C-alpha atoms as a PDB file:
ATOM      1  CA  MET A   1      -0.257   0.014   0.589  1.00  0.00           C
ATOM      2  CA  GLU A   2       1.267   2.845  -0.879  1.00  0.00           C
ATOM      3  CA  ARG A   3       2.269   5.653   1.669  1.00  0.00           C
ATOM      4  CA  ILE A   4      -0.452   8.819   1.805  1.00  0.00           C
ATOM      5  CA  MET A   5      -3.306   5.834   1.395  1.00  0.00           C
ATOM      6  CA  GLU A   6      -2.211   4.784   4.601  1.00  0.00           C
ATOM      7  CA  TYR A   7      -1.602   8.602   5.927  1.00  0.00           C
ATOM      8  CA  ILE A   8      -5.005   8.612   4.502  1.00  0.00           C
ATOM      9  CA  LEU A   9      -6.602   6.046   6.338  1.00  0.00           C
ATOM     10  CA  CYS A  10      -4.570   6.890   9.707  1.00  0.00           C
ATOM     11  CA  ILE A  11      -6.556  10.768   9.434  1.00  0.00           C
ATOM     12  CA  TYR A  12      -9.283   8.669   9.464  1.00  0.00           C
ATOM     13  CA  LYS A  13      -9.314   6.948  11.959  1.00  0.00           C
ATOM     14  CA  GLU A  14      -8.017   9.239  14.174  1.00  0.00           C
ATOM     15  CA  LYS A  15     -10.450  11.948  13.038  1.00  0.00           C
ATOM     16  CA  SER A  16      -7.635  14.377  13.160  1.00  0.00           C
ATOM     17  CA  PHE A  17      -4.915  15.280  11.980  1.00  0.00           C
ATOM     18  CA  SER A  18      -2.769  16.552  14.805  1.00  0.00           C
ATOM     19  CA  LYS A  19      -3.713  12.976  16.368  1.00  0.00           C
ATOM     20  CA  ALA A  20      -2.932  11.301  13.207  1.00  0.00           C
ATOM     21  CA  ALA A  21      -0.146  12.886  13.178  1.00  0.00           C
ATOM     22  CA  SER A  22       1.978  11.231  16.475  1.00  0.00           C
ATOM     23  CA  ARG A  23       0.508   8.089  16.111  1.00  0.00           C
ATOM     24  CA  LEU A  24       2.552   8.644  12.470  1.00  0.00           C
ATOM     25  CA  PHE A  25       5.433   9.324  14.349  1.00  0.00           C
ATOM     26  CA  ILE A  26       5.809  12.758  11.951  1.00  0.00           C
ATOM     27  CA  THR A  27       4.509  16.046  12.538  1.00  0.00           C
ATOM     28  CA  GLN A  28       1.235  17.760  11.387  1.00  0.00           C
ATOM     29  CA  PRO A  29       2.260  20.186   8.969  1.00  0.00           C
ATOM     30  CA  ALA A  30       4.466  17.385   7.000  1.00  0.00           C
ATOM     31  CA  LEU A  31       0.864  15.224   7.277  1.00  0.00           C
ATOM     32  CA  SER A  32      -1.206  18.309   5.937  1.00  0.00           C
ATOM     33  CA  LEU A  33       1.241  19.193   2.935  1.00  0.00           C
ATOM     34  CA  MET A  34       1.134  15.172   1.901  1.00  0.00           C
ATOM     35  CA  VAL A  35      -2.505  14.896   2.121  1.00  0.00           C
ATOM     36  CA  GLN A  36      -3.109  17.786   0.597  1.00  0.00           C
ATOM     37  CA  LYS A  37      -0.601  17.711  -2.363  1.00  0.00           C
ATOM     38  CA  GLU A  38      -2.744  13.831  -3.058  1.00  0.00           C
ATOM     39  CA  GLU A  39      -5.632  15.812  -3.112  1.00  0.00           C
ATOM     40  CA  LYS A  40      -4.368  18.552  -6.187  1.00  0.00           C
ATOM     41  CA  ARG A  41      -2.814  15.112  -7.911  1.00  0.00           C
ATOM     42  CA  ARG A  42      -6.526  13.574  -7.636  1.00  0.00           C
ATOM     43  CA  GLY A  43      -8.444  16.909  -8.172  1.00  0.00           C
ATOM     44  CA  ILE A  44     -10.533  15.950  -5.149  1.00  0.00           C
ATOM     45  CA  SER A  45     -10.643  16.989  -1.228  1.00  0.00           C
ATOM     46  CA  PHE A  46     -10.641  13.759   1.288  1.00  0.00           C
ATOM     47  CA  PHE A  47     -12.005  15.280   4.302  1.00  0.00           C
ATOM     48  CA  ASN A  48     -14.206  18.256   5.486  1.00  0.00           C
ATOM     49  CA  ARG A  49     -11.841  20.691   7.497  1.00  0.00           C
ATOM     50  CA  ASN A  50     -15.230  22.790   8.969  1.00  0.00           C
ATOM     51  CA  VAL A  51     -16.160  20.439  11.105  1.00  0.00           C
ATOM     52  CA  ASN A  52     -14.338  19.478  14.065  1.00  0.00           C
ATOM     53  CA  PRO A  53     -14.090  16.231  14.197  1.00  0.00           C
ATOM     54  CA  ILE A  54     -13.390  16.202  10.571  1.00  0.00           C
ATOM     55  CA  ILE A  55     -15.252  13.753   8.369  1.00  0.00           C
ATOM     56  CA  PRO A  56     -14.408  12.309   4.934  1.00  0.00           C
ATOM     57  CA  THR A  57     -16.213  13.418   1.790  1.00  0.00           C
ATOM     58  CA  GLU A  58     -18.002  11.986  -0.240  1.00  0.00           C
ATOM     59  CA  ALA A  59     -14.851  11.162  -2.821  1.00  0.00           C
ATOM     60  CA  GLY A  60     -12.991  10.758   0.511  1.00  0.00           C
ATOM     61  CA  MET A  61     -14.900   8.241   1.818  1.00  0.00           C
ATOM     62  CA  GLU A  62     -14.646   6.625  -1.887  1.00  0.00           C
ATOM     63  CA  TYR A  63     -11.265   6.732  -1.347  1.00  0.00           C
ATOM     64  CA  ILE A  64     -11.148   5.430   1.960  1.00  0.00           C
ATOM     65  CA  GLN A  65     -12.992   2.252   1.743  1.00  0.00           C
ATOM     66  CA  ALA A  66     -11.397   0.969  -1.221  1.00  0.00           C
ATOM     67  CA  ALA A  67      -8.026   2.027   0.885  1.00  0.00           C
ATOM     68  CA  MET A  68      -9.120  -0.871   3.393  1.00  0.00           C
ATOM     69  CA  LYS A  69      -9.733  -3.583   0.917  1.00  0.00           C
ATOM     70  CA  ILE A  70      -6.265  -3.166  -0.362  1.00  0.00           C
ATOM     71  CA  GLN A  71      -5.146  -3.180   3.367  1.00  0.00           C
ATOM     72  CA  LYS A  72      -6.796  -6.495   4.491  1.00  0.00           C
ATOM     73  CA  ILE A  73      -5.973  -7.998   0.830  1.00  0.00           C
ATOM     74  CA  GLU A  74      -2.416  -7.215   2.107  1.00  0.00           C
ATOM     75  CA  GLN A  75      -2.143  -7.879   5.471  1.00  0.00           C
ATOM     76  CA  GLN A  76      -4.129 -11.501   4.219  1.00  0.00           C
ATOM     77  CA  LEU A  77      -0.882 -11.853   1.521  1.00  0.00           C
ATOM     78  CA  GLU A  78       1.307 -10.687   4.778  1.00  0.00           C
ATOM     79  CA  ASN A  79       0.268 -13.417   7.075  1.00  0.00           C
ATOM     80  CA  ARG A  80       0.235 -16.267   4.295  1.00  0.00           C
ATOM     81  CA  LEU A  81       3.660 -15.680   3.543  1.00  0.00           C
ATOM     82  CA  HIS A  82       4.683 -15.119   7.687  1.00  0.00           C
ATOM     83  CA  SER A  83       3.261 -18.412   7.675  1.00  0.00           C
ATOM     84  CA  LEU A  84       5.764 -20.120   5.098  1.00  0.00           C
ATOM     85  CA  SER A  85       8.112 -18.444   5.809  1.00  0.00           C
ATOM     86  CA  ASN A  86      10.833 -19.376   7.942  1.00  0.00           C
ATOM     87  CA  THR A  87      12.968 -16.711   8.874  1.00  0.00           C
ATOM     88  CA  LEU A  88      12.082 -14.439  11.407  1.00  0.00           C
ATOM     89  CA  THR A  89      13.944 -11.109  12.316  1.00  0.00           C
ATOM     90  CA  ILE A  90      13.597 -10.572  16.085  1.00  0.00           C
ATOM     91  CA  ALA A  91      15.274  -6.463  16.740  1.00  0.00           C
ATOM     92  CA  SER A  92      16.180  -4.671  20.174  1.00  0.00           C
ATOM     93  CA  SER A  93      18.137  -2.343  22.011  1.00  0.00           C
ATOM     94  CA  ALA A  94      22.075  -2.427  21.281  1.00  0.00           C
ATOM     95  CA  PHE A  95      22.428  -3.777  24.634  1.00  0.00           C
ATOM     96  CA  PHE A  96      20.302  -7.006  23.891  1.00  0.00           C
ATOM     97  CA  CYS A  97      21.323  -7.167  20.305  1.00  0.00           C
ATOM     98  CA  ALA A  98      24.815  -7.390  21.644  1.00  0.00           C
ATOM     99  CA  ASN A  99      24.686  -9.776  24.656  1.00  0.00           C
ATOM    100  CA  VAL A 100      22.210 -11.958  25.020  1.00  0.00           C
ATOM    101  CA  LEU A 101      19.866 -12.502  20.737  1.00  0.00           C
ATOM    102  CA  PRO A 102      22.887 -13.902  19.973  1.00  0.00           C
ATOM    103  CA  GLN A 103      23.290 -16.986  22.399  1.00  0.00           C
ATOM    104  CA  LEU A 104      19.592 -16.824  21.913  1.00  0.00           C
ATOM    105  CA  THR A 105      19.065 -17.180  18.357  1.00  0.00           C
ATOM    106  CA  ASP A 106      22.164 -19.464  18.035  1.00  0.00           C
ATOM    107  CA  ALA A 107      19.898 -21.660  20.362  1.00  0.00           C
ATOM    108  CA  PHE A 108      16.880 -21.586  18.662  1.00  0.00           C
ATOM    109  CA  ILE A 109      18.194 -22.153  15.329  1.00  0.00           C
ATOM    110  CA  LYS A 110      20.182 -25.820  16.393  1.00  0.00           C
ATOM    111  CA  THR A 111      16.414 -26.595  17.648  1.00  0.00           C
ATOM    112  CA  GLN A 112      15.008 -26.447  13.920  1.00  0.00           C
ATOM    113  CA  PRO A 113      15.109 -28.144  10.458  1.00  0.00           C
ATOM    114  CA  PRO A 114      17.960 -26.882   7.916  1.00  0.00           C
ATOM    115  CA  GLY A 115      17.417 -23.456   6.045  1.00  0.00           C
ATOM    116  CA  CYS A 116      15.497 -21.792   9.686  1.00  0.00           C
ATOM    117  CA  ARG A 117      17.831 -18.186   9.730  1.00  0.00           C
ATOM    118  CA  VAL A 118      16.938 -15.563  12.352  1.00  0.00           C
ATOM    119  CA  HIS A 119      17.792 -11.834  11.884  1.00  0.00           C
ATOM    120  CA  CYS A 120      18.407  -9.195  14.584  1.00  0.00           C
ATOM    121  CA  LEU A 121      17.011  -5.698  14.146  1.00  0.00           C
ATOM    122  CA  GLU A 122      18.866  -2.999  16.702  1.00  0.00           C
ATOM    123  CA  GLY A 123      17.053   0.528  17.476  1.00  0.00           C
ATOM    124  CA  SER A 124      16.303   2.944  19.149  1.00  0.00           C
ATOM    125  CA  ALA A 125      12.920   3.295  21.516  1.00  0.00           C
ATOM    126  CA  ARG A 126      11.453   4.895  18.624  1.00  0.00           C
ATOM    127  CA  GLU A 127      12.588   2.973  16.123  1.00  0.00           C
ATOM    128  CA  LEU A 128      11.044  -0.350  17.678  1.00  0.00           C
ATOM    129  CA  VAL A 129       7.667   0.705  17.562  1.00  0.00           C
ATOM    130  CA  ALA A 130       7.833   1.339  13.831  1.00  0.00           C
ATOM    131  CA  PHE A 131       9.692  -2.418  13.316  1.00  0.00           C
ATOM    132  CA  LEU A 132       7.126  -3.663  15.132  1.00  0.00           C
ATOM    133  CA  GLN A 133       3.915  -1.625  13.150  1.00  0.00           C
ATOM    134  CA  ASP A 134       5.204  -1.403   9.510  1.00  0.00           C
ATOM    135  CA  GLY A 135       6.334  -5.509   9.503  1.00  0.00           C
ATOM    136  CA  ARG A 136      10.489  -5.030   9.714  1.00  0.00           C
ATOM    137  CA  ALA A 137      10.221  -6.394  13.243  1.00  0.00           C
ATOM    138  CA  ASP A 138       8.431 -10.259  13.809  1.00  0.00           C
ATOM    139  CA  PHE A 139       9.495  -9.766  17.686  1.00  0.00           C
ATOM    140  CA  ILE A 140      10.067  -6.811  19.994  1.00  0.00           C
ATOM    141  CA  ILE A 141      12.568  -7.696  23.057  1.00  0.00           C
ATOM    142  CA  SER A 142      12.361  -4.649  25.506  1.00  0.00           C
ATOM    143  CA  VAL A 143      11.901  -3.300  28.280  1.00  0.00           C
ATOM    144  CA  ASP A 144       8.817  -0.171  27.009  1.00  0.00           C
ATOM    145  CA  ASP A 145       5.491  -0.872  27.410  1.00  0.00           C
ATOM    146  CA  HIS A 146       3.942  -0.037  24.307  1.00  0.00           C
ATOM    147  CA  TYR A 147       4.043  -1.040  21.351  1.00  0.00           C
ATOM    148  CA  GLY A 148       0.683   0.461  19.276  1.00  0.00           C
ATOM    149  CA  ARG A 149      -2.139  -1.513  18.856  1.00  0.00           C
ATOM    150  CA  ASN A 150      -3.686  -4.967  18.076  1.00  0.00           C
ATOM    151  CA  THR A 151       0.206  -5.923  19.381  1.00  0.00           C
ATOM    152  CA  GLN A 152       0.057  -8.815  22.570  1.00  0.00           C
ATOM    153  CA  TYR A 153       3.245  -9.062  24.896  1.00  0.00           C
ATOM    154  CA  GLN A 154       5.074 -11.745  26.997  1.00  0.00           C
ATOM    155  CA  LYS A 155       7.379 -11.251  29.762  1.00  0.00           C
ATOM    156  CA  ILE A 156      10.415 -13.454  29.637  1.00  0.00           C
ATOM    157  CA  ARG A 157      12.201 -12.303  32.649  1.00  0.00           C
ATOM    158  CA  GLN A 158      13.121  -9.388  35.377  1.00  0.00           C
ATOM    159  CA  GLU A 159      16.161  -6.944  36.149  1.00  0.00           C
ATOM    160  CA  TYR A 160      17.176  -5.657  38.808  1.00  0.00           C
ATOM    161  CA  ILE A 161      18.178  -1.019  38.242  1.00  0.00           C
ATOM    162  CA  ILE A 162      21.646  -0.377  40.001  1.00  0.00           C
ATOM    163  CA  LEU A 163      23.251   2.768  40.389  1.00  0.00           C
ATOM    164  CA  ALA A 164      26.979   3.139  39.079  1.00  0.00           C
ATOM    165  CA  ALA A 165      29.135   5.998  40.412  1.00  0.00           C
ATOM    166  CA  PRO A 166      32.416   6.289  39.244  1.00  0.00           C
ATOM    167  CA  ARG A 167      34.899   6.484  42.284  1.00  0.00           C
ATOM    168  CA  SER A 168      36.510   9.652  42.033  1.00  0.00           C
ATOM    169  CA  LEU A 169      32.522  11.368  42.828  1.00  0.00           C
ATOM    170  CA  ILE A 170      31.792   9.134  45.519  1.00  0.00           C
ATOM    171  CA  GLN A 171      33.882  11.242  48.940  1.00  0.00           C
ATOM    172  CA  SER A 172      32.107   9.425  51.761  1.00  0.00           C
ATOM    173  CA  PRO A 173      33.343   7.349  53.256  1.00  0.00           C
ATOM    174  CA  GLU A 174      30.108   5.667  54.680  1.00  0.00           C
ATOM    175  CA  LEU A 175      28.606   5.453  51.003  1.00  0.00           C
ATOM    176  CA  GLN A 176      32.289   3.977  49.861  1.00  0.00           C
ATOM    177  CA  LYS A 177      31.262   1.366  52.158  1.00  0.00           C
ATOM    178  CA  ALA A 178      27.894   0.771  51.175  1.00  0.00           C
ATOM    179  CA  ALA A 179      29.115  -0.094  47.384  1.00  0.00           C
ATOM    180  CA  LEU A 180      28.063  -3.834  46.574  1.00  0.00           C
ATOM    181  CA  PRO A 181      30.627  -6.150  46.870  1.00  0.00           C
ATOM    182  CA  TYR A 182      31.369  -7.046  42.474  1.00  0.00           C
ATOM    183  CA  PRO A 183      31.153 -10.297  42.804  1.00  0.00           C
ATOM    184  CA  SER A 184      27.891 -10.268  44.219  1.00  0.00           C
ATOM    185  CA  ILE A 185      26.670  -8.622  40.990  1.00  0.00           C
ATOM    186  CA  GLN A 186      28.621 -11.015  38.777  1.00  0.00           C
ATOM    187  CA  THR A 187      26.464 -13.828  40.634  1.00  0.00           C
ATOM    188  CA  GLY A 188      23.578 -11.763  40.965  1.00  0.00           C
ATOM    189  CA  SER A 189      23.505 -12.359  44.716  1.00  0.00           C
ATOM    190  CA  PHE A 190      22.806  -9.043  45.566  1.00  0.00           C
ATOM    191  CA  SER A 191      19.040  -9.372  44.937  1.00  0.00           C
ATOM    192  CA  GLN A 192      18.834 -11.005  48.178  1.00  0.00           C
ATOM    193  CA  PRO A 193      17.730  -9.446  51.404  1.00  0.00           C
ATOM    194  CA  ASP A 194      21.371 -10.148  52.139  1.00  0.00           C
ATOM    195  CA  TYR A 195      22.697  -7.105  50.782  1.00  0.00           C
ATOM    196  CA  PRO A 196      20.735  -3.668  51.865  1.00  0.00           C
ATOM    197  CA  SER A 197      19.825  -1.394  49.288  1.00  0.00           C
ATOM    198  CA  LEU A 198      20.685   2.359  49.641  1.00  0.00           C
ATOM    199  CA  SER A 199      18.535   5.308  49.566  1.00  0.00           C
ATOM    200  CA  LEU A 200      18.799   7.589  46.239  1.00  0.00           C
ATOM    201  CA  LYS A 201      18.956  10.347  48.852  1.00  0.00           C
ATOM    202  CA  HIS A 202      22.488  10.035  49.413  1.00  0.00           C
ATOM    203  CA  PHE A 203      23.452  11.089  46.187  1.00  0.00           C
ATOM    204  CA  SER A 204      21.470  14.269  46.146  1.00  0.00           C
ATOM    205  CA  GLY A 205      23.559  17.457  44.901  1.00  0.00           C
ATOM    206  CA  LEU A 206      26.160  15.402  42.360  1.00  0.00           C
ATOM    207  CA  PRO A 207      25.982  14.975  38.493  1.00  0.00           C
ATOM    208  CA  PHE A 208      24.101  12.134  37.041  1.00  0.00           C
ATOM    209  CA  ILE A 209      22.816  10.884  33.315  1.00  0.00           C
ATOM    210  CA  LEU A 210      19.368   9.402  32.407  1.00  0.00           C
ATOM    211  CA  LEU A 211      18.140   7.856  29.239  1.00  0.00           C
ATOM    212  CA  THR A 212      16.458  10.538  26.565  1.00  0.00           C
ATOM    213  CA  LYS A 213      12.564  11.100  26.192  1.00  0.00           C
ATOM    214  CA  GLY A 214      10.867   7.033  25.035  1.00  0.00           C
ATOM    215  CA  ASN A 215      14.213   5.210  26.956  1.00  0.00           C
ATOM    216  CA  ASP A 216      12.372   3.331  29.890  1.00  0.00           C
ATOM    217  CA  LEU A 217      15.030   4.643  32.101  1.00  0.00           C
ATOM    218  CA  TYR A 218      14.446   8.222  31.395  1.00  0.00           C
ATOM    219  CA  THR A 219      10.911   8.347  33.491  1.00  0.00           C
ATOM    220  CA  ARG A 220      11.941   5.569  35.328  1.00  0.00           C
ATOM    221  CA  GLY A 221      15.322   7.698  35.815  1.00  0.00           C
ATOM    222  CA  ARG A 222      13.121  10.809  37.144  1.00  0.00           C
ATOM    223  CA  LYS A 223      10.786   8.705  39.011  1.00  0.00           C
ATOM    224  CA  LEU A 224      13.463   6.637  40.914  1.00  0.00           C
ATOM    225  CA  LEU A 225      15.149  10.820  41.659  1.00  0.00           C
ATOM    226  CA  ARG A 226      12.152  12.135  42.813  1.00  0.00           C
ATOM    227  CA  ASN A 227      10.670   9.472  44.783  1.00  0.00           C
ATOM    228  CA  ALA A 228      13.961   9.826  46.956  1.00  0.00           C
ATOM    229  CA  GLY A 229      14.538  13.407  46.965  1.00  0.00           C
ATOM    230  CA  VAL A 230      17.470  13.776  45.166  1.00  0.00           C
ATOM    231  CA  SER A 231      18.349  17.350  43.616  1.00  0.00           C
ATOM    232  CA  PRO A 232      20.928  16.665  40.620  1.00  0.00           C
ATOM    233  CA  SER A 233      23.799  19.075  40.558  1.00  0.00           C
ATOM    234  CA  SER A 234      23.311  18.313  36.814  1.00  0.00           C
ATOM    235  CA  ILE A 235      21.832  16.377  34.742  1.00  0.00           C
ATOM    236  CA  THR A 236      22.794  14.919  31.184  1.00  0.00           C
ATOM    237  CA  TYR A 237      20.720  12.823  28.947  1.00  0.00           C
ATOM    238  CA  MET A 238      22.087  10.489  26.360  1.00  0.00           C
ATOM    239  CA  ASP A 239      20.760   8.138  23.398  1.00  0.00           C
ATOM    240  CA  GLN A 240      22.209   5.044  24.325  1.00  0.00           C
ATOM    241  CA  LEU A 241      22.240   3.194  27.736  1.00  0.00           C
ATOM    242  CA  GLN A 242      26.024   1.825  27.125  1.00  0.00           C
ATOM    243  CA  THR A 243      27.033   5.699  26.174  1.00  0.00           C
ATOM    244  CA  SER A 244      25.905   6.954  29.241  1.00  0.00           C
ATOM    245  CA  PHE A 245      27.665   4.103  31.468  1.00  0.00           C
ATOM    246  CA  LEU A 246      30.590   4.797  29.232  1.00  0.00           C
ATOM    247  CA  ALA A 247      30.087   9.154  29.896  1.00  0.00           C
ATOM    248  CA  ALA A 248      30.324   7.332  33.638  1.00  0.00           C
ATOM    249  CA  GLN A 249      33.681   5.771  33.566  1.00  0.00           C
ATOM    250  CA  THR A 250      34.821   9.216  32.495  1.00  0.00           C
ATOM    251  CA  GLY A 251      33.439  10.879  35.650  1.00  0.00           C
ATOM    252  CA  GLN A 252      30.518  12.685  34.080  1.00  0.00           C
ATOM    253  CA  GLY A 253      27.737  12.070  36.710  1.00  0.00           C
ATOM    254  CA  LEU A 254      26.301   9.662  38.359  1.00  0.00           C
ATOM    255  CA  THR A 255      23.745   6.979  36.020  1.00  0.00           C
ATOM    256  CA  PHE A 256      21.217   3.881  35.621  1.00  0.00           C
ATOM    257  CA  ILE A 257      21.999   1.005  34.653  1.00  0.00           C
ATOM    258  CA  ARG A 258      20.331  -3.206  34.162  1.00  0.00           C
ATOM    259  CA  ALA A 259      22.793  -5.092  36.721  1.00  0.00           C
ATOM    260  CA  GLU A 260      24.024  -7.114  33.678  1.00  0.00           C
ATOM    261  CA  LEU A 261      26.243  -4.789  32.024  1.00  0.00           C
ATOM    262  CA  ALA A 262      27.903  -3.884  35.064  1.00  0.00           C
ATOM    263  CA  THR A 263      29.586  -7.664  34.431  1.00  0.00           C
ATOM    264  CA  ILE A 264      30.264  -6.856  30.544  1.00  0.00           C
ATOM    265  CA  ALA A 265      31.135  -3.762  29.850  1.00  0.00           C
ATOM    266  CA  GLY A 266      34.229  -1.074  31.244  1.00  0.00           C
ATOM    267  CA  ASP A 267      36.313  -1.164  34.052  1.00  0.00           C
ATOM    268  CA  PRO A 268      34.076  -2.485  37.177  1.00  0.00           C
ATOM    269  CA  GLY A 269      37.109  -1.122  39.160  1.00  0.00           C
ATOM    270  CA  GLN A 270      36.216   2.586  38.329  1.00  0.00           C
ATOM    271  CA  PHE A 271      32.602   2.445  40.080  1.00  0.00           C
ATOM    272  CA  TYR A 272      30.826   2.054  42.667  1.00  0.00           C
ATOM    273  CA  PHE A 273      27.182  -0.154  42.107  1.00  0.00           C
ATOM    274  CA  TYR A 274      24.651   0.780  44.539  1.00  0.00           C
ATOM    275  CA  LYS A 275      21.276  -1.575  45.048  1.00  0.00           C
ATOM    276  CA  ILE A 276      18.612   0.829  44.718  1.00  0.00           C
ATOM    277  CA  ASP A 277      15.813   1.149  47.490  1.00  0.00           C
ATOM    278  CA  ASP A 278      12.807   1.373  45.464  1.00  0.00           C
ATOM    279  CA  GLU A 279      10.098  -1.144  43.656  1.00  0.00           C
ATOM    280  CA  LEU A 280      11.386   0.750  41.144  1.00  0.00           C
ATOM    281  CA  ALA A 281      14.563  -0.788  39.859  1.00  0.00           C
ATOM    282  CA  LEU A 282      12.819  -4.096  39.319  1.00  0.00           C
ATOM    283  CA  ARG A 283      11.073  -4.391  36.028  1.00  0.00           C
ATOM    284  CA  ASP A 284       9.929  -6.678  33.427  1.00  0.00           C
ATOM    285  CA  VAL A 285      11.826  -7.659  30.243  1.00  0.00           C
ATOM    286  CA  LYS A 286       9.356  -8.256  27.540  1.00  0.00           C
ATOM    287  CA  ILE A 287       8.825  -9.824  23.865  1.00  0.00           C
ATOM    288  CA  PHE A 288       6.243  -7.640  21.620  1.00  0.00           C
ATOM    289  CA  TYR A 289       4.781  -9.331  18.436  1.00  0.00           C
ATOM    290  CA  GLN A 290       1.260  -8.116  16.531  1.00  0.00           C
ATOM    291  CA  LYS A 291      -0.964 -10.820  18.176  1.00  0.00           C
ATOM    292  CA  ALA A 292      -2.456 -11.215  14.313  1.00  0.00           C
ATOM    293  CA  GLN A 293       0.520 -12.189  12.614  1.00  0.00           C
ATOM    294  CA  ILE A 294       1.464 -15.111  14.761  1.00  0.00           C
ATOM    295  CA  SER A 295       2.731 -17.970  12.643  1.00  0.00           C
ATOM    296  CA  PRO A 296       3.684 -21.370  13.325  1.00  0.00           C
ATOM    297  CA  LEU A 297       7.598 -20.699  13.268  1.00  0.00           C
ATOM    298  CA  LYS A 298       6.393 -17.427  15.712  1.00  0.00           C
ATOM    299  CA  GLU A 299       4.292 -19.873  18.321  1.00  0.00           C
ATOM    300  CA  THR A 300       7.266 -21.681  18.206  1.00  0.00           C
ATOM    301  CA  PHE A 301       9.921 -19.358  19.128  1.00  0.00           C
ATOM    302  CA  LEU A 302       7.190 -17.580  21.329  1.00  0.00           C
ATOM    303  CA  THR A 303       7.911 -20.345  23.132  1.00  0.00           C
ATOM    304  CA  PHE A 304      11.743 -21.126  23.250  1.00  0.00           C
ATOM    305  CA  CYS A 305      12.238 -18.003  23.807  1.00  0.00           C
ATOM    306  CA  ILE A 306       9.729 -18.335  27.716  1.00  0.00           C
ATOM    307  CA  GLN A 307      11.815 -21.821  28.600  1.00  0.00           C
ATOM    308  CA  HIS A 308      14.880 -20.248  27.577  1.00  0.00           C
ATOM    309  CA  PHE A 309      14.774 -17.203  29.806  1.00  0.00           C
ATOM    310  CA  ASP A 310      12.756 -19.636  33.076  1.00  0.00           C
ATOM    311  CA  GLN A 311      15.928 -21.669  33.061  1.00  0.00           C
END
């Protein structure tokens, strides 16, 4: 289906240019301009813009009904091809693509007949939404919550968020002593009650590094600071978790990381790591998929994925 046809259908469903633009991740002026060009090309108006909410014109409704039929035919074809395909595409963040998916997909391929292939696709939080919605990815592995309409998810594991503090910024002997022993992070035993958690209020007045808006650790990080009444001396925002961790290595600020990252990236000797006294420090990792496009191979992978992380 042509992109402009998808855009016009979205406007019709949302009954608003602004809502449709938000859902399509484009600006409203850009969306309006594209529709106006299509209207000029066809010599018709698709929508009556003088009412609120907007409604289609007679010609516009003819176009929309035809577009819906095309969309249904394309979806049926897509579903059929997916059911016959022996290839999967799994998309996730840079961390999962580098450290989790290679082992997961290799293990899955060994359980399948020859010819089965699994591709990994890396993307930002915003890009992952588009990958799933436009069919470039069969599954998304993520800690986020929303991947659009007609999607489902399964929880596959939980992970802890810990605070990584550059040693150069921690001058208090009490805070130095309260840091987690590194072997407890390597083994995961730090999650047990034997290792006490620490309130973030002890780190007020220090610089922090958070992820940019759209990432789970943007919202979660800000809530963690707010819950503890922390007033950072400054906050720097970065796009990727591993980038923020590398920046913290140079002493630019404290940052929240998934505990697993501490065991595989950077020099742990440059940091003090802290278990956070807040329930937000534990989060779910989920696998998302389009519920209308679940083929036998996808069902098999989904079951394998859930069992793999239960081990």
